[in-house]
PDB file of N, CA and C in Angstrom:
ATOM      1  N   MET A   1       0.289 247.777 168.334  1.00  0.00           N
ATOM      2  CA  MET A   1      -0.852 246.401 168.480  1.00  0.00           C
ATOM      3  C   MET A   1      -1.881 247.137 168.623  1.00  0.00           C
ATOM      4  N   ASN A   2      -3.256 246.666 168.775  1.00  0.00           N
ATOM      5  CA  ASN A   2      -4.529 247.102 168.872  1.00  0.00           C
ATOM      6  C   ASN A   2      -4.766 245.618 170.198  1.00  0.00           C
ATOM      7  N   ILE A   3      -5.048 245.739 171.189  1.00  0.00           N
ATOM      8  CA  ILE A   3      -4.916 244.551 171.970  1.00  0.00           C
ATOM      9  C   ILE A   3      -6.511 245.112 172.954  1.00  0.00           C
ATOM     10  N   LEU A   4      -7.724 243.883 173.117  1.00  0.00           N
ATOM     11  CA  LEU A   4      -8.534 244.367 173.636  1.00  0.00           C
ATOM     12  C   LEU A   4      -8.915 243.039 174.829  1.00  0.00           C
ATOM     13  N   MET A   5      -8.773 243.984 175.757  1.00  0.00           N
ATOM     14  CA  MET A   5      -9.044 242.677 176.864  1.00  0.00           C
ATOM     15  C   MET A   5     -10.771 243.184 177.677  1.00  0.00           C
ATOM     16  N   LEU A   6     -10.888 241.499 177.553  1.00  0.00           N
ATOM     17  CA  LEU A   6     -12.535 241.190 178.310  1.00  0.00           C
ATOM     18  C   LEU A   6     -12.036 241.261 180.273  1.00  0.00           C
ATOM     19  N   THR A   7     -13.002 241.460 180.601  1.00  0.00           N
ATOM     20  CA  THR A   7     -12.787 240.934 182.175  1.00  0.00           C
ATOM     21  C   THR A   7     -14.545 241.290 182.047  1.00  0.00           C
ATOM     22  N   GLU A   8     -14.759 240.566 183.239  1.00  0.00           N
ATOM     23  CA  GLU A   8     -15.759 240.608 184.202  1.00  0.00           C
ATOM     24  C   GLU A   8     -16.100 241.380 185.358  1.00  0.00           C
ATOM     25  N   SER A   9     -15.060 242.004 185.583  1.00  0.00           N
ATOM     26  CA  SER A   9     -14.929 243.115 186.840  1.00  0.00           C
ATOM     27  C   SER A   9     -14.955 244.243 186.425  1.00  0.00           C
ATOM     28  N   ASN A  10     -14.861 245.075 187.548  1.00  0.00           N
ATOM     29  CA  ASN A  10     -14.933 246.976 187.385  1.00  0.00           C
ATOM     30  C   ASN A  10     -13.727 247.283 186.817  1.00  0.00           C
ATOM     31  N   PHE A  11     -13.451 247.857 185.456  1.00  0.00           N
ATOM     32  CA  PHE A  11     -12.411 248.530 185.561  1.00  0.00           C
ATOM     33  C   PHE A  11     -11.975 250.217 185.769  1.00  0.00           C
ATOM     34  N   PRO A  12     -11.741 251.086 186.607  1.00  0.00           N
ATOM     35  CA  PRO A  12     -10.390 250.399 186.775  1.00  0.00           C
ATOM     36  C   PRO A  12     -10.060 249.860 188.318  1.00  0.00           C
ATOM     37  N   CYS A  13     -10.870 249.599 189.137  1.00  0.00           N
ATOM     38  CA  CYS A  13     -11.138 248.685 190.147  1.00  0.00           C
ATOM     39  C   CYS A  13     -10.230 247.784 190.494  1.00  0.00           C
ATOM     40  N   ASP A  14     -10.402 246.928 189.604  1.00  0.00           N
ATOM     41  CA  ASP A  14      -9.575 245.573 189.656  1.00  0.00           C
ATOM     42  C   ASP A  14      -7.982 245.926 188.969  1.00  0.00           C
ATOM     43  N   VAL A  15      -7.444 245.638 190.268  1.00  0.00           N
ATOM     44  CA  VAL A  15      -5.525 245.582 190.155  1.00  0.00           C
ATOM     45  C   VAL A  15      -4.770 245.105 189.295  1.00  0.00           C
ATOM     46  N   ARG A  16      -5.489 244.066 189.175  1.00  0.00           N
ATOM     47  CA  ARG A  16      -4.642 243.018 187.922  1.00  0.00           C
ATOM     48  C   ARG A  16      -5.006 243.693 186.582  1.00  0.00           C
ATOM     49  N   VAL A  17      -5.996 243.660 186.247  1.00  0.00           N
ATOM     50  CA  VAL A  17      -6.634 244.625 185.066  1.00  0.00           C
ATOM     51  C   VAL A  17      -5.805 245.747 185.051  1.00  0.00           C
ATOM     52  N   ARG A  18      -5.751 246.619 185.419  1.00  0.00           N
ATOM     53  CA  ARG A  18      -5.493 248.028 185.522  1.00  0.00           C
ATOM     54  C   ARG A  18      -4.004 247.731 185.268  1.00  0.00           C
ATOM     55  N   GLN A  19      -3.235 247.161 186.205  1.00  0.00           N
ATOM     56  CA  GLN A  19      -1.489 247.081 186.078  1.00  0.00           C
ATOM     57  C   GLN A  19      -1.534 246.837 185.002  1.00  0.00           C
ATOM     58  N   GLU A  20      -2.038 245.673 184.060  1.00  0.00           N
ATOM     59  CA  GLU A  20      -1.686 245.039 182.574  1.00  0.00           C
ATOM     60  C   GLU A  20      -2.212 245.961 182.026  1.00  0.00           C
ATOM     61  N   ALA A  21      -3.352 246.586 181.587  1.00  0.00           N
ATOM     62  CA  ALA A  21      -3.639 247.433 181.015  1.00  0.00           C
ATOM     63  C   ALA A  21      -2.764 248.513 180.577  1.00  0.00           C
ATOM     64  N   LEU A  22      -2.588 249.260 181.755  1.00  0.00           N
ATOM     65  CA  LEU A  22      -1.738 250.336 181.818  1.00  0.00           C
ATOM     66  C   LEU A  22      -0.121 250.036 180.948  1.00  0.00           C
ATOM     67  N   LYS A  23       0.806 248.935 181.969  1.00  0.00           N
ATOM     68  CA  LYS A  23       1.365 248.461 181.051  1.00  0.00           C
ATOM     69  C   LYS A  23       1.736 248.470 179.358  1.00  0.00           C
ATOM     70  N   LEU A  24       0.877 247.725 179.263  1.00  0.00           N
ATOM     71  CA  LEU A  24       0.238 247.328 177.764  1.00  0.00           C
ATOM     72  C   LEU A  24       0.816 249.179 177.365  1.00  0.00           C
ATOM     73  N   ARG A  25      -0.300 249.673 177.531  1.00  0.00           N
ATOM     74  CA  ARG A  25      -0.286 251.000 176.903  1.00  0.00           C
ATOM     75  C   ARG A  25       1.296 251.885 176.925  1.00  0.00           C
ATOM     76  N   GLU A  26       1.998 251.854 177.873  1.00  0.00           N
ATOM     77  CA  GLU A  26       2.951 252.068 178.378  1.00  0.00           C
ATOM     78  C   GLU A  26       4.097 252.064 177.447  1.00  0.00           C
ATOM     79  N   CYS A  27       4.396 250.508 176.649  1.00  0.00           N
ATOM     80  CA  CYS A  27       4.810 249.895 175.864  1.00  0.00           C
ATOM     81  C   CYS A  27       3.939 250.069 174.223  1.00  0.00           C
ATOM     82  N   GLY A  28       3.054 251.456 174.027  1.00  0.00           N
ATOM     83  CA  GLY A  28       2.909 251.855 173.051  1.00  0.00           C
ATOM     84  C   GLY A  28       2.055 251.296 172.549  1.00  0.00           C
ATOM     85  N   HIS A  29       1.175 250.383 173.140  1.00  0.00           N
ATOM     86  CA  HIS A  29       0.006 249.357 172.771  1.00  0.00           C
ATOM     87  C   HIS A  29      -0.957 250.243 172.428  1.00  0.00           C
ATOM     88  N   ASN A  30      -2.219 250.020 171.286  1.00  0.00           N
ATOM     89  CA  ASN A  30      -3.754 250.205 171.967  1.00  0.00           C
ATOM     90  C   ASN A  30      -4.393 249.689 172.420  1.00  0.00           C
ATOM     91  N   VAL A  31      -5.212 250.141 173.892  1.00  0.00           N
ATOM     92  CA  VAL A  31      -5.502 249.354 174.477  1.00  0.00           C
ATOM     93  C   VAL A  31      -6.686 249.707 174.715  1.00  0.00           C
ATOM     94  N   SER A  32      -8.158 248.966 174.537  1.00  0.00           N
ATOM     95  CA  SER A  32      -9.656 248.466 174.636  1.00  0.00           C
ATOM     96  C   SER A  32      -9.731 248.039 175.884  1.00  0.00           C
ATOM     97  N   ILE A  33     -10.585 247.990 177.258  1.00  0.00           N
ATOM     98  CA  ILE A  33     -11.142 247.199 177.046  1.00  0.00           C
ATOM     99  C   ILE A  33     -12.788 247.248 177.660  1.00  0.00           C
ATOM    100  N   ILE A  34     -12.886 245.848 177.753  1.00  0.00           N
ATOM    101  CA  ILE A  34     -14.601 246.021 178.296  1.00  0.00           C
ATOM    102  C   ILE A  34     -15.206 245.431 179.252  1.00  0.00           C
ATOM    103  N   ALA A  35     -15.813 245.809 180.028  1.00  0.00           N
ATOM    104  CA  ALA A  35     -16.016 245.579 181.825  1.00  0.00           C
ATOM    105  C   ALA A  35     -17.500 245.888 182.411  1.00  0.00           C
ATOM    106  N   ILE A  36     -17.777 245.347 183.158  1.00  0.00           N
ATOM    107  CA  ILE A  36     -18.898 245.316 183.651  1.00  0.00           C
ATOM    108  C   ILE A  36     -19.415 246.676 184.317  1.00  0.00           C
ATOM    109  N   LYS A  37     -20.056 247.063 183.889  1.00  0.00           N
ATOM    110  CA  LYS A  37     -20.504 248.544 184.510  1.00  0.00           C
ATOM    111  C   LYS A  37     -21.520 248.559 185.980  1.00  0.00           C
ATOM    112  N   ASP A  38     -20.967 249.204 186.865  1.00  0.00           N
ATOM    113  CA  ASP A  38     -21.382 249.584 187.919  1.00  0.00           C
ATOM    114  C   ASP A  38     -22.511 250.807 187.883  1.00  0.00           C
ATOM    115  N   LYS A  39     -23.451 251.291 188.884  1.00  0.00           N
ATOM    116  CA  LYS A  39     -25.029 251.811 188.916  1.00  0.00           C
ATOM    117  C   LYS A  39     -24.090 253.301 188.366  1.00  0.00           C
ATOM    118  N   GLU A  40     -22.981 253.992 188.730  1.00  0.00           N
ATOM    119  CA  GLU A  40     -22.439 254.998 189.284  1.00  0.00           C
ATOM    120  C   GLU A  40     -21.629 255.882 187.830  1.00  0.00           C
ATOM    121  N   GLU A  41     -21.171 254.139 187.051  1.00  0.00           N
ATOM    122  CA  GLU A  41     -20.042 254.772 185.891  1.00  0.00           C
ATOM    123  C   GLU A  41     -20.558 254.805 184.487  1.00  0.00           C
ATOM    124  N   ALA A  42     -20.098 255.502 183.655  1.00  0.00           N
ATOM    125  CA  ALA A  42     -20.180 255.776 182.310  1.00  0.00           C
ATOM    126  C   ALA A  42     -19.916 254.586 181.502  1.00  0.00           C
ATOM    127  N   TYR A  43     -20.801 254.779 180.779  1.00  0.00           N
ATOM    128  CA  TYR A  43     -20.672 253.400 179.260  1.00  0.00           C
ATOM    129  C   TYR A  43     -19.477 253.759 178.786  1.00  0.00           C
ATOM    130  N   PHE A  44     -18.810 254.668 178.396  1.00  0.00           N
ATOM    131  CA  PHE A  44     -17.538 254.314 178.022  1.00  0.00           C
ATOM    132  C   PHE A  44     -16.778 256.034 178.673  1.00  0.00           C
ATOM    133  N   GLU A  45     -15.533 255.555 178.792  1.00  0.00           N
ATOM    134  CA  GLU A  45     -14.312 256.638 179.040  1.00  0.00           C
ATOM    135  C   GLU A  45     -12.675 256.192 178.879  1.00  0.00           C
ATOM    136  N   THR A  46     -12.117 257.148 178.526  1.00  0.00           N
ATOM    137  CA  THR A  46     -10.859 256.818 178.468  1.00  0.00           C
ATOM    138  C   THR A  46      -9.979 257.218 179.661  1.00  0.00           C
ATOM    139  N   VAL A  47      -9.478 256.421 180.108  1.00  0.00           N
ATOM    140  CA  VAL A  47      -8.347 256.001 181.182  1.00  0.00           C
ATOM    141  C   VAL A  47      -7.163 256.266 181.252  1.00  0.00           C
ATOM    142  N   HIS A  48      -6.152 256.765 181.400  1.00  0.00           N
ATOM    143  CA  HIS A  48      -4.974 256.588 181.236  1.00  0.00           C
ATOM    144  C   HIS A  48      -4.797 256.327 179.780  1.00  0.00           C
ATOM    145  N   GLY A  49      -5.523 257.010 178.627  1.00  0.00           N
ATOM    146  CA  GLY A  49      -5.192 256.160 177.383  1.00  0.00           C
ATOM    147  C   GLY A  49      -5.557 254.987 177.176  1.00  0.00           C
ATOM    148  N   VAL A  50      -6.445 254.263 177.769  1.00  0.00           N
ATOM    149  CA  VAL A  50      -7.180 253.075 178.116  1.00  0.00           C
ATOM    150  C   VAL A  50      -8.479 253.100 177.706  1.00  0.00           C
ATOM    151  N   LYS A  51      -9.176 252.790 176.644  1.00  0.00           N
ATOM    152  CA  LYS A  51     -10.665 253.012 176.186  1.00  0.00           C
ATOM    153  C   LYS A  51     -11.316 251.631 176.686  1.00  0.00           C
ATOM    154  N   VAL A  52     -12.380 252.341 177.557  1.00  0.00           N
ATOM    155  CA  VAL A  52     -13.110 251.349 178.599  1.00  0.00           C
ATOM    156  C   VAL A  52     -14.701 251.370 177.623  1.00  0.00           C
ATOM    157  N   TYR A  53     -14.947 250.542 177.517  1.00  0.00           N
ATOM    158  CA  TYR A  53     -16.644 250.189 177.038  1.00  0.00           C
ATOM    159  C   TYR A  53     -17.159 249.309 178.639  1.00  0.00           C
ATOM    160  N   ARG A  54     -18.171 249.598 179.059  1.00  0.00           N
ATOM    161  CA  ARG A  54     -18.806 249.142 179.964  1.00  0.00           C
ATOM    162  C   ARG A  54     -20.187 248.508 179.200  1.00  0.00           C
ATOM    163  N   VAL A  55     -20.241 247.367 179.899  1.00  0.00           N
ATOM    164  CA  VAL A  55     -21.751 246.672 179.833  1.00  0.00           C
ATOM    165  C   VAL A  55     -22.144 246.312 180.817  1.00  0.00           C
ATOM    166  N   PRO A  56     -23.383 246.650 181.366  1.00  0.00           N
ATOM    167  CA  PRO A  56     -24.154 246.421 181.866  1.00  0.00           C
ATOM    168  C   PRO A  56     -24.636 244.247 182.557  1.00  0.00           C
ATOM    169  N   LYS A  57     -24.235 244.190 183.851  1.00  0.00           N
ATOM    170  CA  LYS A  57     -24.394 242.508 184.292  1.00  0.00           C
ATOM    171  C   LYS A  57     -25.908 241.985 183.755  1.00  0.00           C
ATOM    172  N   ILE A  58     -25.983 240.850 183.376  1.00  0.00           N
ATOM    173  CA  ILE A  58     -27.417 240.795 182.990  1.00  0.00           C
ATOM    174  C   ILE A  58     -27.120 238.860 183.530  1.00  0.00           C
ATOM    175  N   GLU A  59     -28.481 238.623 183.652  1.00  0.00           N
ATOM    176  CA  GLU A  59     -28.695 237.109 184.427  1.00  0.00           C
ATOM    177  C   GLU A  59     -29.643 237.176 183.766  1.00  0.00           C
ATOM    178  N   LEU A  60     -29.503 235.270 182.793  1.00  0.00           N
ATOM    179  CA  LEU A  60     -30.679 234.880 181.759  1.00  0.00           C
ATOM    180  C   LEU A  60     -31.377 234.005 182.745  1.00  0.00           C
ATOM    181  N   PHE A  61     -31.130 233.037 183.938  1.00  0.00           N
ATOM    182  CA  PHE A  61     -30.977 232.336 184.625  1.00  0.00           C
ATOM    183  C   PHE A  61     -31.502 232.988 186.548  1.00  0.00           C
ATOM    184  N   ARG A  62     -32.519 232.146 186.637  1.00  0.00           N
ATOM    185  CA  ARG A  62     -32.672 232.527 188.383  1.00  0.00           C
ATOM    186  C   ARG A  62     -32.064 231.220 188.931  1.00  0.00           C
ATOM    187  N   LYS A  63     -31.520 231.700 190.053  1.00  0.00           N
ATOM    188  CA  LYS A  63     -31.202 231.478 191.203  1.00  0.00           C
ATOM    189  C   LYS A  63     -31.673 230.577 192.364  1.00  0.00           C
ATOM    190  N   GLY A  64     -31.537 229.518 192.079  1.00  0.00           N
ATOM    191  CA  GLY A  64     -32.714 229.411 193.280  1.00  0.00           C
ATOM    192  C   GLY A  64     -31.787 227.528 193.884  1.00  0.00           C
ATOM    193  N   LYS A  65     -32.690 227.013 195.149  1.00  0.00           N
ATOM    194  CA  LYS A  65     -31.861 225.762 195.434  1.00  0.00           C
ATOM    195  C   LYS A  65     -31.832 224.722 193.816  1.00  0.00           C
ATOM    196  N   GLN A  66     -33.724 224.826 193.672  1.00  0.00           N
ATOM    197  CA  GLN A  66     -33.777 223.555 192.734  1.00  0.00           C
ATOM    198  C   GLN A  66     -33.101 224.120 191.279  1.00  0.00           C
ATOM    199  N   ASN A  67     -32.536 224.955 191.051  1.00  0.00           N
ATOM    200  CA  ASN A  67     -31.968 225.279 189.917  1.00  0.00           C
ATOM    201  C   ASN A  67     -30.557 224.702 189.482  1.00  0.00           C
ATOM    202  N   LYS A  68     -30.488 223.714 188.315  1.00  0.00           N
ATOM    203  CA  LYS A  68     -29.181 223.343 188.344  1.00  0.00           C
ATOM    204  C   LYS A  68     -28.566 224.228 187.550  1.00  0.00           C
ATOM    205  N   LEU A  69     -29.073 225.013 187.106  1.00  0.00           N
ATOM    206  CA  LEU A  69     -28.055 226.431 186.374  1.00  0.00           C
ATOM    207  C   LEU A  69     -27.375 227.708 187.003  1.00  0.00           C
ATOM    208  N   ASN A  70     -27.474 227.512 188.314  1.00  0.00           N
ATOM    209  CA  ASN A  70     -26.825 227.982 189.313  1.00  0.00           C
ATOM    210  C   ASN A  70     -25.234 229.130 188.914  1.00  0.00           C
ATOM    211  N   ASN A  71     -24.613 228.431 188.654  1.00  0.00           N
ATOM    212  CA  ASN A  71     -23.568 228.532 187.987  1.00  0.00           C
ATOM    213  C   ASN A  71     -23.109 229.794 186.447  1.00  0.00           C
ATOM    214  N   ASN A  72     -23.924 229.898 185.986  1.00  0.00           N
ATOM    215  CA  ASN A  72     -24.447 230.290 184.459  1.00  0.00           C
ATOM    216  C   ASN A  72     -24.441 231.883 184.627  1.00  0.00           C
ATOM    217  N   LYS A  73     -24.253 232.110 185.881  1.00  0.00           N
ATOM    218  CA  LYS A  73     -24.267 233.728 185.634  1.00  0.00           C
ATOM    219  C   LYS A  73     -22.577 234.368 184.987  1.00  0.00           C
ATOM    220  N   TYR A  74     -21.778 233.801 185.092  1.00  0.00           N
ATOM    221  CA  TYR A  74     -20.672 233.653 184.695  1.00  0.00           C
ATOM    222  C   TYR A  74     -20.504 234.180 182.723  1.00  0.00           C
ATOM    223  N   TYR A  75     -21.288 232.724 182.817  1.00  0.00           N
ATOM    224  CA  TYR A  75     -21.546 232.617 180.880  1.00  0.00           C
ATOM    225  C   TYR A  75     -22.309 233.444 181.046  1.00  0.00           C
ATOM    226  N   ASP A  76     -23.580 233.762 181.190  1.00  0.00           N
ATOM    227  CA  ASP A  76     -24.108 234.919 181.143  1.00  0.00           C
ATOM    228  C   ASP A  76     -23.521 236.080 180.497  1.00  0.00           C
ATOM    229  N   ASN A  77     -22.637 236.532 181.645  1.00  0.00           N
ATOM    230  CA  ASN A  77     -21.943 238.133 181.740  1.00  0.00           C
ATOM    231  C   ASN A  77     -20.844 237.936 180.018  1.00  0.00           C
ATOM    232  N   LYS A  78     -20.402 236.775 179.888  1.00  0.00           N
ATOM    233  CA  LYS A  78     -19.467 236.559 179.036  1.00  0.00           C
ATOM    234  C   LYS A  78     -20.350 236.235 177.192  1.00  0.00           C
ATOM    235  N   ILE A  79     -21.585 235.962 177.381  1.00  0.00           N
ATOM    236  CA  ILE A  79     -22.697 236.271 176.084  1.00  0.00           C
ATOM    237  C   ILE A  79     -22.470 237.781 176.108  1.00  0.00           C
ATOM    238  N   LEU A  80     -22.878 238.953 176.900  1.00  0.00           N
ATOM    239  CA  LEU A  80     -22.688 239.933 176.690  1.00  0.00           C
ATOM    240  C   LEU A  80     -21.553 240.581 176.219  1.00  0.00           C
ATOM    241  N   LEU A  81     -20.866 239.850 176.902  1.00  0.00           N
ATOM    242  CA  LEU A  81     -19.627 241.158 176.591  1.00  0.00           C
ATOM    243  C   LEU A  81     -19.096 240.277 174.566  1.00  0.00           C
ATOM    244  N   ILE A  82     -19.163 239.146 174.652  1.00  0.00           N
ATOM    245  CA  ILE A  82     -19.358 238.649 173.420  1.00  0.00           C
ATOM    246  C   ILE A  82     -19.890 239.456 172.405  1.00  0.00           C
ATOM    247  N   ILE A  83     -21.479 239.220 172.621  1.00  0.00           N
ATOM    248  CA  ILE A  83     -22.346 239.845 171.560  1.00  0.00           C
ATOM    249  C   ILE A  83     -21.872 241.745 171.630  1.00  0.00           C
ATOM    250  N   PHE A  84     -21.790 241.958 172.771  1.00  0.00           N
ATOM    251  CA  PHE A  84     -21.261 243.769 172.333  1.00  0.00           C
ATOM    252  C   PHE A  84     -19.718 244.097 171.507  1.00  0.00           C
ATOM    253  N   TRP A  85     -18.763 243.105 171.790  1.00  0.00           N
ATOM    254  CA  TRP A  85     -18.133 242.935 170.824  1.00  0.00           C
ATOM    255  C   TRP A  85     -18.409 242.903 169.598  1.00  0.00           C
ATOM    256  N   THR A  86     -18.535 242.023 168.993  1.00  0.00           N
ATOM    257  CA  THR A  86     -19.270 240.992 167.621  1.00  0.00           C
ATOM    258  C   THR A  86     -20.008 242.089 167.218  1.00  0.00           C
ATOM    259  N   ALA A  87     -20.858 243.386 167.784  1.00  0.00           N
ATOM    260  CA  ALA A  87     -21.759 243.525 167.152  1.00  0.00           C
ATOM    261  C   ALA A  87     -20.964 245.541 167.090  1.00  0.00           C
ATOM    262  N   VAL A  88     -20.305 246.011 168.257  1.00  0.00           N
ATOM    263  CA  VAL A  88     -20.249 247.574 168.328  1.00  0.00           C
ATOM    264  C   VAL A  88     -18.622 247.430 168.092  1.00  0.00           C
ATOM    265  N   LEU A  89     -18.146 247.059 168.190  1.00  0.00           N
ATOM    266  CA  LEU A  89     -16.199 247.013 168.678  1.00  0.00           C
ATOM    267  C   LEU A  89     -16.147 246.604 167.448  1.00  0.00           C
ATOM    268  N   LYS A  90     -16.186 245.341 166.923  1.00  0.00           N
ATOM    269  CA  LYS A  90     -14.973 244.812 165.803  1.00  0.00           C
ATOM    270  C   LYS A  90     -15.335 245.239 164.848  1.00  0.00           C
ATOM    271  N   PRO A  91     -16.396 246.077 164.102  1.00  0.00           N
ATOM    272  CA  PRO A  91     -15.983 246.622 162.896  1.00  0.00           C
ATOM    273  C   PRO A  91     -14.865 247.487 162.979  1.00  0.00           C
ATOM    274  N   LYS A  92     -14.155 248.060 164.293  1.00  0.00           N
ATOM    275  CA  LYS A  92     -13.507 249.149 164.372  1.00  0.00           C
ATOM    276  C   LYS A  92     -12.247 249.027 164.536  1.00  0.00           C
ATOM    277  N   TYR A  93     -12.291 247.184 164.353  1.00  0.00           N
ATOM    278  CA  TYR A  93     -10.687 246.395 164.797  1.00  0.00           C
ATOM    279  C   TYR A  93     -10.412 246.013 163.407  1.00  0.00           C
ATOM    280  N   LEU A  94     -11.444 246.008 162.507  1.00  0.00           N
ATOM    281  CA  LEU A  94     -10.554 245.310 161.116  1.00  0.00           C
ATOM    282  C   LEU A  94     -10.053 245.748 160.265  1.00  0.00           C
TER     283      LEU A  94
END
């Protein structure tokens, strides 16, 4: 089975995501992860048989005391992950 995991954390540093992905891989599944990219990381690599695609963090809304949209950073990154999936990876999984 092809499995795609989306995470707003760093892979493979996030232990929970890493353990789950590697366990799924051990069970014979094809696992791909879309994660957030840190400065020194590659945009794509394979880690122990798991394909890892990384996208940079984005912020669409400025933070500030008067800004009621302060909590939208979470949604900004989710939007980027979904766009990346739709535009780049989805054709490979259909």
